[in-house]
Amino acid sequence: LTTRQKHTRECFVVAEEGADKARIEREIKTMPNYFADYDTTVHF
């Protein structure tokens, strides 16, 4: 099993008012050592 095949990550995020949610989601999903190697779902 690869890392991605063993676990998924689900994120529940409270964004600051007016924050760029698309950028926040992109930064989370591509974060090395934390999320880049996993199927990650982001909920605002």
PDB file of all heavy atoms in Angstrom:
ATOM      1  N   LEU A   1       0.819  -1.203   0.000  1.00  0.00           N
ATOM      2  CA  LEU A   1       0.000   0.000   0.000  1.00  0.00           C
ATOM      3  C   LEU A   1       0.856   1.256   0.000  1.00  0.00           C
ATOM      4  O   LEU A   1       1.795   1.375   0.786  1.00  0.00           O
ATOM      5  CB  LEU A   1      -0.911   0.013   1.231  1.00  0.00           C
ATOM      6  CG  LEU A   1      -1.922  -1.125   1.334  1.00  0.00           C
ATOM      7  CD1 LEU A   1      -2.577  -1.136   2.702  1.00  0.00           C
ATOM      8  CD2 LEU A   1      -2.976  -0.999   0.237  1.00  0.00           C
ATOM      9  N   THR A   2       0.508   2.203  -0.853  1.00  0.00           N
ATOM     10  CA  THR A   2       1.158   3.507  -0.818  1.00  0.00           C
ATOM     11  C   THR A   2       0.527   4.352   0.292  1.00  0.00           C
ATOM     12  O   THR A   2      -0.523   4.006   0.844  1.00  0.00           O
ATOM     13  CB  THR A   2       0.982   4.243  -2.153  1.00  0.00           C
ATOM     14  OG1 THR A   2      -0.413   4.537  -2.343  1.00  0.00           O
ATOM     15  CG2 THR A   2       1.483   3.395  -3.321  1.00  0.00           C
ATOM     16  N   THR A   3       1.177   5.469   0.609  1.00  0.00           N
ATOM     17  CA  THR A   3       0.631   6.393   1.594  1.00  0.00           C
ATOM     18  C   THR A   3      -0.790   6.808   1.225  1.00  0.00           C
ATOM     19  O   THR A   3      -1.692   6.813   2.068  1.00  0.00           O
ATOM     20  CB  THR A   3       1.534   7.640   1.679  1.00  0.00           C
ATOM     21  OG1 THR A   3       2.817   7.225   2.153  1.00  0.00           O
ATOM     22  CG2 THR A   3       0.959   8.679   2.627  1.00  0.00           C
ATOM     23  N   ARG A   4      -1.017   7.134  -0.043  1.00  0.00           N
ATOM     24  CA  ARG A   4      -2.326   7.595  -0.496  1.00  0.00           C
ATOM     25  C   ARG A   4      -3.373   6.494  -0.383  1.00  0.00           C
ATOM     26  O   ARG A   4      -4.557   6.776  -0.157  1.00  0.00           O
ATOM     27  CB  ARG A   4      -2.223   8.087  -1.950  1.00  0.00           C
ATOM     28  CG  ARG A   4      -3.467   8.813  -2.453  1.00  0.00           C
ATOM     29  CD  ARG A   4      -3.244   9.320  -3.892  1.00  0.00           C
ATOM     30  NE  ARG A   4      -2.117  10.246  -3.960  1.00  0.00           N
ATOM     31  CZ  ARG A   4      -2.221  11.552  -3.754  1.00  0.00           C
ATOM     32  NH1 ARG A   4      -3.395  12.078  -3.451  1.00  0.00           N
ATOM     33  NH2 ARG A   4      -1.163  12.325  -3.839  1.00  0.00           N
ATOM     34  N   GLN A   5      -2.971   5.249  -0.544  1.00  0.00           N
ATOM     35  CA  GLN A   5      -3.925   4.137  -0.497  1.00  0.00           C
ATOM     36  C   GLN A   5      -4.332   3.759   0.924  1.00  0.00           C
ATOM     37  O   GLN A   5      -5.329   3.064   1.111  1.00  0.00           O
ATOM     38  CB  GLN A   5      -3.322   2.919  -1.202  1.00  0.00           C
ATOM     39  CG  GLN A   5      -3.201   3.076  -2.705  1.00  0.00           C
ATOM     40  CD  GLN A   5      -2.393   1.957  -3.341  1.00  0.00           C
ATOM     41  OE1 GLN A   5      -1.445   1.437  -2.764  1.00  0.00           O
ATOM     42  NE2 GLN A   5      -2.781   1.567  -4.558  1.00  0.00           N
ATOM     43  N   LYS A   6      -3.601   4.219   1.923  1.00  0.00           N
ATOM     44  CA  LYS A   6      -3.887   3.817   3.307  1.00  0.00           C
ATOM     45  C   LYS A   6      -4.789   4.808   4.052  1.00  0.00           C
ATOM     46  O   LYS A   6      -5.612   4.411   4.874  1.00  0.00           O
ATOM     47  CB  LYS A   6      -2.583   3.656   4.097  1.00  0.00           C
ATOM     48  CG  LYS A   6      -1.761   2.437   3.696  1.00  0.00           C
ATOM     49  CD  LYS A   6      -0.446   2.392   4.453  1.00  0.00           C
ATOM     50  CE  LYS A   6      -0.645   2.193   5.932  1.00  0.00           C
ATOM     51  NZ  LYS A   6       0.648   2.107   6.664  1.00  0.00           N
ATOM     52  N   HIS A   7      -4.623   6.104   3.794  1.00  0.00           N
ATOM     53  CA  HIS A   7      -5.359   7.116   4.547  1.00  0.00           C
ATOM     54  C   HIS A   7      -5.827   8.244   3.639  1.00  0.00           C
ATOM     55  O   HIS A   7      -5.168   8.561   2.653  1.00  0.00           O
ATOM     56  CB  HIS A   7      -4.478   7.737   5.651  1.00  0.00           C
ATOM     57  CG  HIS A   7      -4.031   6.777   6.701  1.00  0.00           C
ATOM     58  ND1 HIS A   7      -2.828   6.096   6.632  1.00  0.00           N
ATOM     59  CD2 HIS A   7      -4.610   6.395   7.865  1.00  0.00           C
ATOM     60  CE1 HIS A   7      -2.705   5.322   7.697  1.00  0.00           C
ATOM     61  NE2 HIS A   7      -3.762   5.475   8.462  1.00  0.00           N
ATOM     62  N   THR A   8      -6.958   8.841   4.019  1.00  0.00           N
ATOM     63  CA  THR A   8      -7.372  10.114   3.433  1.00  0.00           C
ATOM     64  C   THR A   8      -7.364  11.169   4.541  1.00  0.00           C
ATOM     65  O   THR A   8      -7.315  10.846   5.731  1.00  0.00           O
ATOM     66  CB  THR A   8      -8.786  10.031   2.821  1.00  0.00           C
ATOM     67  OG1 THR A   8      -9.729   9.709   3.856  1.00  0.00           O
ATOM     68  CG2 THR A   8      -8.837   8.971   1.734  1.00  0.00           C
ATOM     69  N   ARG A   9      -7.426  12.443   4.124  1.00  0.00           N
ATOM     70  CA  ARG A   9      -7.438  13.539   5.091  1.00  0.00           C
ATOM     71  C   ARG A   9      -8.623  14.453   4.785  1.00  0.00           C
ATOM     72  O   ARG A   9      -8.842  14.835   3.634  1.00  0.00           O
ATOM     73  CB  ARG A   9      -6.118  14.305   5.050  1.00  0.00           C
ATOM     74  CG  ARG A   9      -4.922  13.426   5.429  1.00  0.00           C
ATOM     75  CD  ARG A   9      -3.698  14.228   5.777  1.00  0.00           C
ATOM     76  NE  ARG A   9      -2.572  13.382   6.155  1.00  0.00           N
ATOM     77  CZ  ARG A   9      -2.376  12.879   7.377  1.00  0.00           C
ATOM     78  NH1 ARG A   9      -3.252  13.131   8.334  1.00  0.00           N
ATOM     79  NH2 ARG A   9      -1.323  12.124   7.635  1.00  0.00           N
ATOM     80  N   GLU A  10      -9.367  14.775   5.842  1.00  0.00           N
ATOM     81  CA  GLU A  10     -10.537  15.634   5.710  1.00  0.00           C
ATOM     82  C   GLU A  10     -10.348  16.862   6.585  1.00  0.00           C
ATOM     83  O   GLU A  10     -10.080  16.731   7.793  1.00  0.00           O
ATOM     84  CB  GLU A  10     -11.815  14.882   6.088  1.00  0.00           C
ATOM     85  CG  GLU A  10     -13.082  15.625   5.733  1.00  0.00           C
ATOM     86  CD  GLU A  10     -14.323  14.744   5.842  1.00  0.00           C
ATOM     87  OE1 GLU A  10     -14.231  13.650   6.442  1.00  0.00           O
ATOM     88  OE2 GLU A  10     -15.374  15.152   5.320  1.00  0.00           O
ATOM     89  N   CYS A  11     -10.479  18.049   5.990  1.00  0.00           N
ATOM     90  CA  CYS A  11     -10.170  19.301   6.672  1.00  0.00           C
ATOM     91  C   CYS A  11     -11.426  20.165   6.790  1.00  0.00           C
ATOM     92  O   CYS A  11     -12.153  20.350   5.807  1.00  0.00           O
ATOM     93  CB  CYS A  11      -9.102  20.084   5.895  1.00  0.00           C
ATOM     94  SG  CYS A  11      -7.665  19.096   5.421  1.00  0.00           S
ATOM     95  N   PHE A  12     -11.642  20.701   7.991  1.00  0.00           N
ATOM     96  CA  PHE A  12     -12.743  21.637   8.231  1.00  0.00           C
ATOM     97  C   PHE A  12     -12.117  22.967   8.609  1.00  0.00           C
ATOM     98  O   PHE A  12     -11.428  23.073   9.631  1.00  0.00           O
ATOM     99  CB  PHE A  12     -13.662  21.107   9.323  1.00  0.00           C
ATOM    100  CG  PHE A  12     -14.391  19.852   8.921  1.00  0.00           C
ATOM    101  CD1 PHE A  12     -13.810  18.602   9.085  1.00  0.00           C
ATOM    102  CD2 PHE A  12     -15.649  19.933   8.341  1.00  0.00           C
ATOM    103  CE1 PHE A  12     -14.468  17.449   8.700  1.00  0.00           C
ATOM    104  CE2 PHE A  12     -16.325  18.782   7.955  1.00  0.00           C
ATOM    105  CZ  PHE A  12     -15.737  17.533   8.132  1.00  0.00           C
ATOM    106  N   VAL A  13     -12.343  23.975   7.773  1.00  0.00           N
ATOM    107  CA  VAL A  13     -11.585  25.223   7.851  1.00  0.00           C
ATOM    108  C   VAL A  13     -12.522  26.407   8.047  1.00  0.00           C
ATOM    109  O   VAL A  13     -13.529  26.543   7.337  1.00  0.00           O
ATOM    110  CB  VAL A  13     -10.752  25.430   6.560  1.00  0.00           C
ATOM    111  CG1 VAL A  13      -9.989  26.747   6.616  1.00  0.00           C
ATOM    112  CG2 VAL A  13      -9.807  24.253   6.346  1.00  0.00           C
ATOM    113  N   VAL A  14     -12.174  27.262   9.011  1.00  0.00           N
ATOM    114  CA  VAL A  14     -12.833  28.548   9.186  1.00  0.00           C
ATOM    115  C   VAL A  14     -11.917  29.606   8.580  1.00  0.00           C
ATOM    116  O   VAL A  14     -10.799  29.818   9.062  1.00  0.00           O
ATOM    117  CB  VAL A  14     -13.090  28.860  10.675  1.00  0.00           C
ATOM    118  CG1 VAL A  14     -13.763  30.233  10.816  1.00  0.00           C
ATOM    119  CG2 VAL A  14     -13.933  27.766  11.318  1.00  0.00           C
ATOM    120  N   ALA A  15     -12.359  30.234   7.519  1.00  0.00           N
ATOM    121  CA  ALA A  15     -11.539  31.235   6.830  1.00  0.00           C
ATOM    122  C   ALA A  15     -11.819  32.631   7.389  1.00  0.00           C
ATOM    123  O   ALA A  15     -12.917  32.923   7.871  1.00  0.00           O
ATOM    124  CB  ALA A  15     -11.820  31.211   5.333  1.00  0.00           C
ATOM    125  N   GLU A  16     -10.792  33.470   7.324  1.00  0.00           N
ATOM    126  CA  GLU A  16     -10.985  34.878   7.674  1.00  0.00           C
ATOM    127  C   GLU A  16     -11.950  35.518   6.679  1.00  0.00           C
ATOM    128  O   GLU A  16     -12.043  35.100   5.508  1.00  0.00           O
ATOM    129  CB  GLU A  16      -9.643  35.627   7.629  1.00  0.00           C
ATOM    130  CG  GLU A  16      -8.582  35.089   8.583  1.00  0.00           C
ATOM    131  CD  GLU A  16      -8.768  35.595   9.999  1.00  0.00           C
ATOM    132  OE1 GLU A  16      -9.760  36.313  10.254  1.00  0.00           O
ATOM    133  OE2 GLU A  16      -7.932  35.261  10.859  1.00  0.00           O
ATOM    134  N   GLU A  17     -12.667  36.534   7.134  1.00  0.00           N
ATOM    135  CA  GLU A  17     -13.600  37.210   6.247  1.00  0.00           C
ATOM    136  C   GLU A  17     -12.859  37.807   5.043  1.00  0.00           C
ATOM    137  O   GLU A  17     -11.834  38.480   5.199  1.00  0.00           O
ATOM    138  CB  GLU A  17     -14.326  38.327   7.016  1.00  0.00           C
ATOM    139  CG  GLU A  17     -15.446  38.972   6.225  1.00  0.00           C
ATOM    140  CD  GLU A  17     -16.234  39.973   7.052  1.00  0.00           C
ATOM    141  OE1 GLU A  17     -16.036  40.005   8.294  1.00  0.00           O
ATOM    142  OE2 GLU A  17     -17.037  40.719   6.460  1.00  0.00           O
ATOM    143  N   GLY A  18     -13.334  37.492   3.847  1.00  0.00           N
ATOM    144  CA  GLY A  18     -12.738  38.017   2.627  1.00  0.00           C
ATOM    145  C   GLY A  18     -11.532  37.241   2.136  1.00  0.00           C
ATOM    146  O   GLY A  18     -10.926  37.603   1.121  1.00  0.00           O
ATOM    147  N   ALA A  19     -11.152  36.173   2.822  1.00  0.00           N
ATOM    148  CA  ALA A  19      -9.968  35.396   2.413  1.00  0.00           C
ATOM    149  C   ALA A  19     -10.246  34.659   1.100  1.00  0.00           C
ATOM    150  O   ALA A  19     -11.395  34.329   0.774  1.00  0.00           O
ATOM    151  CB  ALA A  19      -9.586  34.409   3.501  1.00  0.00           C
ATOM    152  N   ASP A  20      -9.180  34.396   0.354  1.00  0.00           N
ATOM    153  CA  ASP A  20      -9.270  33.681  -0.919  1.00  0.00           C
ATOM    154  C   ASP A  20      -9.344  32.180  -0.625  1.00  0.00           C
ATOM    155  O   ASP A  20      -8.331  31.521  -0.406  1.00  0.00           O
ATOM    156  CB  ASP A  20      -8.041  34.009  -1.777  1.00  0.00           C
ATOM    157  CG  ASP A  20      -8.102  33.375  -3.155  1.00  0.00           C
ATOM    158  OD1 ASP A  20      -8.905  32.447  -3.355  1.00  0.00           O
ATOM    159  OD2 ASP A  20      -7.314  33.784  -4.019  1.00  0.00           O
ATOM    160  N   LYS A  21     -10.550  31.624  -0.618  1.00  0.00           N
ATOM    161  CA  LYS A  21     -10.745  30.221  -0.248  1.00  0.00           C
ATOM    162  C   LYS A  21     -10.110  29.266  -1.262  1.00  0.00           C
ATOM    163  O   LYS A  21      -9.599  28.201  -0.887  1.00  0.00           O
ATOM    164  CB  LYS A  21     -12.228  29.919  -0.080  1.00  0.00           C
ATOM    165  CG  LYS A  21     -12.861  30.638   1.109  1.00  0.00           C
ATOM    166  CD  LYS A  21     -14.339  30.293   1.246  1.00  0.00           C
ATOM    167  CE  LYS A  21     -14.954  31.004   2.448  1.00  0.00           C
ATOM    168  NZ  LYS A  21     -16.401  30.696   2.579  1.00  0.00           N
ATOM    169  N   ALA A  22     -10.119  29.617  -2.506  1.00  0.00           N
ATOM    170  CA  ALA A  22      -9.507  28.761  -3.528  1.00  0.00           C
ATOM    171  C   ALA A  22      -8.005  28.640  -3.285  1.00  0.00           C
ATOM    172  O   ALA A  22      -7.422  27.556  -3.411  1.00  0.00           O
ATOM    173  CB  ALA A  22      -9.787  29.316  -4.921  1.00  0.00           C
ATOM    174  N   ARG A  23      -7.372  29.769  -2.945  1.00  0.00           N
ATOM    175  CA  ARG A  23      -5.934  29.722  -2.638  1.00  0.00           C
ATOM    176  C   ARG A  23      -5.661  28.906  -1.381  1.00  0.00           C
ATOM    177  O   ARG A  23      -4.722  28.098  -1.334  1.00  0.00           O
ATOM    178  CB  ARG A  23      -5.392  31.143  -2.457  1.00  0.00           C
ATOM    179  CG  ARG A  23      -3.916  31.168  -2.011  1.00  0.00           C
ATOM    180  CD  ARG A  23      -3.465  32.554  -1.585  1.00  0.00           C
ATOM    181  NE  ARG A  23      -4.282  33.149  -0.549  1.00  0.00           N
ATOM    182  CZ  ARG A  23      -4.209  32.811   0.752  1.00  0.00           C
ATOM    183  NH1 ARG A  23      -3.377  31.873   1.167  1.00  0.00           N
ATOM    184  NH2 ARG A  23      -4.986  33.425   1.631  1.00  0.00           N
ATOM    185  N   ILE A  24      -6.492  29.091  -0.356  1.00  0.00           N
ATOM    186  CA  ILE A  24      -6.307  28.337   0.892  1.00  0.00           C
ATOM    187  C   ILE A  24      -6.412  26.832   0.625  1.00  0.00           C
ATOM    188  O   ILE A  24      -5.571  26.049   1.066  1.00  0.00           O
ATOM    189  CB  ILE A  24      -7.350  28.771   1.944  1.00  0.00           C
ATOM    190  CG1 ILE A  24      -7.066  30.198   2.412  1.00  0.00           C
ATOM    191  CG2 ILE A  24      -7.357  27.805   3.132  1.00  0.00           C
ATOM    192  CD1 ILE A  24      -8.156  30.779   3.303  1.00  0.00           C
ATOM    193  N   GLU A  25      -7.436  26.448  -0.136  1.00  0.00           N
ATOM    194  CA  GLU A  25      -7.609  25.018  -0.440  1.00  0.00           C
ATOM    195  C   GLU A  25      -6.417  24.485  -1.217  1.00  0.00           C
ATOM    196  O   GLU A  25      -5.919  23.377  -0.941  1.00  0.00           O
ATOM    197  CB  GLU A  25      -8.908  24.806  -1.230  1.00  0.00           C
ATOM    198  CG  GLU A  25      -9.162  23.344  -1.566  1.00  0.00           C
ATOM    199  CD  GLU A  25     -10.535  23.115  -2.168  1.00  0.00           C
ATOM    200  OE1 GLU A  25     -11.328  24.091  -2.263  1.00  0.00           O
ATOM    201  OE2 GLU A  25     -10.829  21.969  -2.558  1.00  0.00           O
ATOM    202  N   ARG A  26      -5.938  25.252  -2.180  1.00  0.00           N
ATOM    203  CA  ARG A  26      -4.796  24.824  -2.984  1.00  0.00           C
ATOM    204  C   ARG A  26      -3.543  24.672  -2.109  1.00  0.00           C
ATOM    205  O   ARG A  26      -2.793  23.698  -2.239  1.00  0.00           O
ATOM    206  CB  ARG A  26      -4.551  25.834  -4.106  1.00  0.00           C
ATOM    207  CG  ARG A  26      -3.464  25.433  -5.093  1.00  0.00           C
ATOM    208  CD  ARG A  26      -3.487  26.334  -6.316  1.00  0.00           C
ATOM    209  NE  ARG A  26      -3.277  27.744  -5.964  1.00  0.00           N
ATOM    210  CZ  ARG A  26      -4.232  28.679  -6.023  1.00  0.00           C
ATOM    211  NH1 ARG A  26      -5.462  28.382  -6.403  1.00  0.00           N
ATOM    212  NH2 ARG A  26      -3.949  29.944  -5.693  1.00  0.00           N
ATOM    213  N   GLU A  27      -3.312  25.638  -1.213  1.00  0.00           N
ATOM    214  CA  GLU A  27      -2.131  25.560  -0.336  1.00  0.00           C
ATOM    215  C   GLU A  27      -2.200  24.356   0.598  1.00  0.00           C
ATOM    216  O   GLU A  27      -1.178  23.717   0.877  1.00  0.00           O
ATOM    217  CB  GLU A  27      -1.995  26.855   0.474  1.00  0.00           C
ATOM    218  CG  GLU A  27      -1.490  28.031  -0.340  1.00  0.00           C
ATOM    219  CD  GLU A  27      -1.094  29.207   0.540  1.00  0.00           C
ATOM    220  OE1 GLU A  27      -0.674  28.972   1.699  1.00  0.00           O
ATOM    221  OE2 GLU A  27      -1.192  30.367   0.070  1.00  0.00           O
ATOM    222  N   ILE A  28      -3.384  24.060   1.085  1.00  0.00           N
ATOM    223  CA  ILE A  28      -3.524  22.897   1.966  1.00  0.00           C
ATOM    224  C   ILE A  28      -3.223  21.611   1.195  1.00  0.00           C
ATOM    225  O   ILE A  28      -2.407  20.783   1.618  1.00  0.00           O
ATOM    226  CB  ILE A  28      -4.943  22.845   2.570  1.00  0.00           C
ATOM    227  CG1 ILE A  28      -5.153  24.002   3.549  1.00  0.00           C
ATOM    228  CG2 ILE A  28      -5.175  21.511   3.281  1.00  0.00           C
ATOM    229  CD1 ILE A  28      -6.594  24.162   4.016  1.00  0.00           C
ATOM    230  N   LYS A  29      -3.859  21.439   0.052  1.00  0.00           N
ATOM    231  CA  LYS A  29      -3.756  20.175  -0.683  1.00  0.00           C
ATOM    232  C   LYS A  29      -2.350  19.919  -1.229  1.00  0.00           C
ATOM    233  O   LYS A  29      -1.983  18.771  -1.475  1.00  0.00           O
ATOM    234  CB  LYS A  29      -4.767  20.155  -1.835  1.00  0.00           C
ATOM    235  CG  LYS A  29      -6.206  20.021  -1.371  1.00  0.00           C
ATOM    236  CD  LYS A  29      -7.157  19.905  -2.552  1.00  0.00           C
ATOM    237  CE  LYS A  29      -8.560  19.592  -2.098  1.00  0.00           C
ATOM    238  NZ  LYS A  29      -9.516  19.432  -3.233  1.00  0.00           N
ATOM    239  N   THR A  30      -1.557  20.980  -1.423  1.00  0.00           N
ATOM    240  CA  THR A  30      -0.208  20.807  -1.973  1.00  0.00           C
ATOM    241  C   THR A  30       0.876  20.919  -0.904  1.00  0.00           C
ATOM    242  O   THR A  30       2.060  20.917  -1.230  1.00  0.00           O
ATOM    243  CB  THR A  30       0.056  21.861  -3.066  1.00  0.00           C
ATOM    244  OG1 THR A  30      -0.100  23.173  -2.513  1.00  0.00           O
ATOM    245  CG2 THR A  30      -0.900  21.675  -4.237  1.00  0.00           C
ATOM    246  N   MET A  31       0.494  20.996   0.375  1.00  0.00           N
ATOM    247  CA  MET A  31       1.465  21.178   1.455  1.00  0.00           C
ATOM    248  C   MET A  31       2.329  19.921   1.605  1.00  0.00           C
ATOM    249  O   MET A  31       1.831  18.839   1.916  1.00  0.00           O
ATOM    250  CB  MET A  31       0.743  21.470   2.772  1.00  0.00           C
ATOM    251  CG  MET A  31       1.654  21.949   3.886  1.00  0.00           C
ATOM    252  SD  MET A  31       0.728  22.221   5.434  1.00  0.00           S
ATOM    253  CE  MET A  31      -0.408  23.527   4.944  1.00  0.00           C
ATOM    254  N   PRO A  32       3.648  20.032   1.374  1.00  0.00           N
ATOM    255  CA  PRO A  32       4.518  18.847   1.482  1.00  0.00           C
ATOM    256  C   PRO A  32       4.582  18.339   2.918  1.00  0.00           C
ATOM    257  O   PRO A  32       4.458  19.109   3.875  1.00  0.00           O
ATOM    258  CB  PRO A  32       5.885  19.360   1.009  1.00  0.00           C
ATOM    259  CG  PRO A  32       5.823  20.849   1.188  1.00  0.00           C
ATOM    260  CD  PRO A  32       4.395  21.245   1.006  1.00  0.00           C
ATOM    261  N   ASN A  33       4.758  17.024   3.051  1.00  0.00           N
ATOM    262  CA  ASN A  33       4.888  16.334   4.345  1.00  0.00           C
ATOM    263  C   ASN A  33       3.589  16.276   5.139  1.00  0.00           C
ATOM    264  O   ASN A  33       3.531  15.609   6.167  1.00  0.00           O
ATOM    265  CB  ASN A  33       5.970  16.969   5.222  1.00  0.00           C
ATOM    266  CG  ASN A  33       7.326  16.979   4.573  1.00  0.00           C
ATOM    267  OD1 ASN A  33       7.703  16.004   3.916  1.00  0.00           O
ATOM    268  ND2 ASN A  33       8.066  18.070   4.732  1.00  0.00           N
ATOM    269  N   TYR A  34       2.548  16.967   4.685  1.00  0.00           N
ATOM    270  CA  TYR A  34       1.282  16.970   5.406  1.00  0.00           C
ATOM    271  C   TYR A  34       0.125  16.453   4.552  1.00  0.00           C
ATOM    272  O   TYR A  34      -0.584  15.532   4.945  1.00  0.00           O
ATOM    273  CB  TYR A  34       0.967  18.379   5.934  1.00  0.00           C
ATOM    274  CG  TYR A  34       1.797  18.782   7.124  1.00  0.00           C
ATOM    275  CD1 TYR A  34       3.008  19.453   6.947  1.00  0.00           C
ATOM    276  CD2 TYR A  34       1.388  18.478   8.411  1.00  0.00           C
ATOM    277  CE1 TYR A  34       3.778  19.822   8.037  1.00  0.00           C
ATOM    278  CE2 TYR A  34       2.153  18.837   9.515  1.00  0.00           C
ATOM    279  CZ  TYR A  34       3.346  19.515   9.328  1.00  0.00           C
ATOM    280  OH  TYR A  34       4.120  19.872  10.399  1.00  0.00           O
ATOM    281  N   PHE A  35      -0.063  17.048   3.362  1.00  0.00           N
ATOM    282  CA  PHE A  35      -1.258  16.729   2.582  1.00  0.00           C
ATOM    283  C   PHE A  35      -0.976  16.324   1.138  1.00  0.00           C
ATOM    284  O   PHE A  35      -1.824  15.714   0.494  1.00  0.00           O
ATOM    285  CB  PHE A  35      -2.226  17.926   2.584  1.00  0.00           C
ATOM    286  CG  PHE A  35      -2.707  18.289   3.964  1.00  0.00           C
ATOM    287  CD1 PHE A  35      -2.160  19.368   4.645  1.00  0.00           C
ATOM    288  CD2 PHE A  35      -3.684  17.536   4.590  1.00  0.00           C
ATOM    289  CE1 PHE A  35      -2.586  19.695   5.917  1.00  0.00           C
ATOM    290  CE2 PHE A  35      -4.123  17.853   5.867  1.00  0.00           C
ATOM    291  CZ  PHE A  35      -3.574  18.933   6.532  1.00  0.00           C
ATOM    292  N   ALA A  36       0.186  16.668   0.618  1.00  0.00           N
ATOM    293  CA  ALA A  36       0.447  16.458  -0.810  1.00  0.00           C
ATOM    294  C   ALA A  36       0.365  14.991  -1.215  1.00  0.00           C
ATOM    295  O   ALA A  36       0.002  14.680  -2.357  1.00  0.00           O
ATOM    296  CB  ALA A  36       1.827  17.027  -1.181  1.00  0.00           C
ATOM    297  N   ASP A  37       0.682  14.077  -0.297  1.00  0.00           N
ATOM    298  CA  ASP A  37       0.703  12.651  -0.633  1.00  0.00           C
ATOM    299  C   ASP A  37      -0.618  11.944  -0.349  1.00  0.00           C
ATOM    300  O   ASP A  37      -0.694  10.711  -0.412  1.00  0.00           O
ATOM    301  CB  ASP A  37       1.819  11.947   0.146  1.00  0.00           C
ATOM    302  CG  ASP A  37       3.202  12.438  -0.274  1.00  0.00           C
ATOM    303  OD1 ASP A  37       3.341  12.835  -1.438  1.00  0.00           O
ATOM    304  OD2 ASP A  37       4.121  12.430   0.567  1.00  0.00           O
ATOM    305  N   TYR A  38      -1.665  12.714  -0.026  1.00  0.00           N
ATOM    306  CA  TYR A  38      -2.949  12.114   0.353  1.00  0.00           C
ATOM    307  C   TYR A  38      -4.075  12.689  -0.484  1.00  0.00           C
ATOM    308  O   TYR A  38      -4.007  13.821  -0.964  1.00  0.00           O
ATOM    309  CB  TYR A  38      -3.264  12.419   1.834  1.00  0.00           C
ATOM    310  CG  TYR A  38      -2.275  11.852   2.814  1.00  0.00           C
ATOM    311  CD1 TYR A  38      -1.119  12.558   3.151  1.00  0.00           C
ATOM    312  CD2 TYR A  38      -2.488  10.614   3.416  1.00  0.00           C
ATOM    313  CE1 TYR A  38      -0.204  12.047   4.055  1.00  0.00           C
ATOM    314  CE2 TYR A  38      -1.581  10.096   4.327  1.00  0.00           C
ATOM    315  CZ  TYR A  38      -0.442  10.812   4.643  1.00  0.00           C
ATOM    316  OH  TYR A  38       0.465  10.301   5.531  1.00  0.00           O
ATOM    317  N   ASP A  39      -5.153  11.921  -0.625  1.00  0.00           N
ATOM    318  CA  ASP A  39      -6.399  12.472  -1.144  1.00  0.00           C
ATOM    319  C   ASP A  39      -7.010  13.299  -0.019  1.00  0.00           C
ATOM    320  O   ASP A  39      -7.370  12.770   1.041  1.00  0.00           O
ATOM    321  CB  ASP A  39      -7.355  11.351  -1.567  1.00  0.00           C
ATOM    322  CG  ASP A  39      -6.870  10.643  -2.821  1.00  0.00           C
ATOM    323  OD1 ASP A  39      -6.124  11.264  -3.605  1.00  0.00           O
ATOM    324  OD2 ASP A  39      -7.224   9.466  -3.019  1.00  0.00           O
ATOM    325  N   THR A  40      -7.103  14.606  -0.234  1.00  0.00           N
ATOM    326  CA  THR A  40      -7.498  15.551   0.809  1.00  0.00           C
ATOM    327  C   THR A  40      -8.754  16.305   0.402  1.00  0.00           C
ATOM    328  O   THR A  40      -8.844  16.809  -0.721  1.00  0.00           O
ATOM    329  CB  THR A  40      -6.355  16.559   1.079  1.00  0.00           C
ATOM    330  OG1 THR A  40      -5.192  15.848   1.493  1.00  0.00           O
ATOM    331  CG2 THR A  40      -6.754  17.552   2.161  1.00  0.00           C
ATOM    332  N   THR A  41      -9.713  16.371   1.317  1.00  0.00           N
ATOM    333  CA  THR A  41     -10.948  17.124   1.106  1.00  0.00           C
ATOM    334  C   THR A  41     -10.973  18.303   2.058  1.00  0.00           C
ATOM    335  O   THR A  41     -10.687  18.157   3.248  1.00  0.00           O
ATOM    336  CB  THR A  41     -12.182  16.235   1.358  1.00  0.00           C
ATOM    337  OG1 THR A  41     -12.106  15.075   0.534  1.00  0.00           O
ATOM    338  CG2 THR A  41     -13.469  16.996   1.043  1.00  0.00           C
ATOM    339  N   VAL A  42     -11.318  19.487   1.537  1.00  0.00           N
ATOM    340  CA  VAL A  42     -11.364  20.704   2.351  1.00  0.00           C
ATOM    341  C   VAL A  42     -12.799  21.225   2.376  1.00  0.00           C
ATOM    342  O   VAL A  42     -13.404  21.453   1.330  1.00  0.00           O
ATOM    343  CB  VAL A  42     -10.419  21.787   1.798  1.00  0.00           C
ATOM    344  CG1 VAL A  42     -10.539  23.070   2.631  1.00  0.00           C
ATOM    345  CG2 VAL A  42      -8.977  21.292   1.784  1.00  0.00           C
ATOM    346  N   HIS A  43     -13.343  21.393   3.598  1.00  0.00           N
ATOM    347  CA  HIS A  43     -14.676  21.979   3.776  1.00  0.00           C
ATOM    348  C   HIS A  43     -14.513  23.328   4.471  1.00  0.00           C
ATOM    349  O   HIS A  43     -13.832  23.415   5.501  1.00  0.00           O
ATOM    350  CB  HIS A  43     -15.561  21.087   4.664  1.00  0.00           C
ATOM    351  CG  HIS A  43     -15.654  19.665   4.217  1.00  0.00           C
ATOM    352  ND1 HIS A  43     -16.518  19.242   3.229  1.00  0.00           N
ATOM    353  CD2 HIS A  43     -15.005  18.547   4.637  1.00  0.00           C
ATOM    354  CE1 HIS A  43     -16.400  17.942   3.060  1.00  0.00           C
ATOM    355  NE2 HIS A  43     -15.481  17.492   3.906  1.00  0.00           N
ATOM    356  N   PHE A  44     -15.138  24.349   3.970  1.00  0.00           N
ATOM    357  CA  PHE A  44     -15.148  25.650   4.637  1.00  0.00           C
ATOM    358  C   PHE A  44     -16.444  25.768   5.440  1.00  0.00           C
ATOM    359  O   PHE A  44     -17.548  25.604   4.888  1.00  0.00           O
ATOM    360  CB  PHE A  44     -15.023  26.783   3.614  1.00  0.00           C
ATOM    361  CG  PHE A  44     -13.654  26.867   3.009  1.00  0.00           C
ATOM    362  CD1 PHE A  44     -13.391  26.280   1.778  1.00  0.00           C
ATOM    363  CD2 PHE A  44     -12.619  27.498   3.687  1.00  0.00           C
ATOM    364  CE1 PHE A  44     -12.118  26.340   1.214  1.00  0.00           C
ATOM    365  CE2 PHE A  44     -11.348  27.565   3.134  1.00  0.00           C
ATOM    366  CZ  PHE A  44     -11.092  26.974   1.906  1.00  0.00           C
TER     367      PHE A  44
END
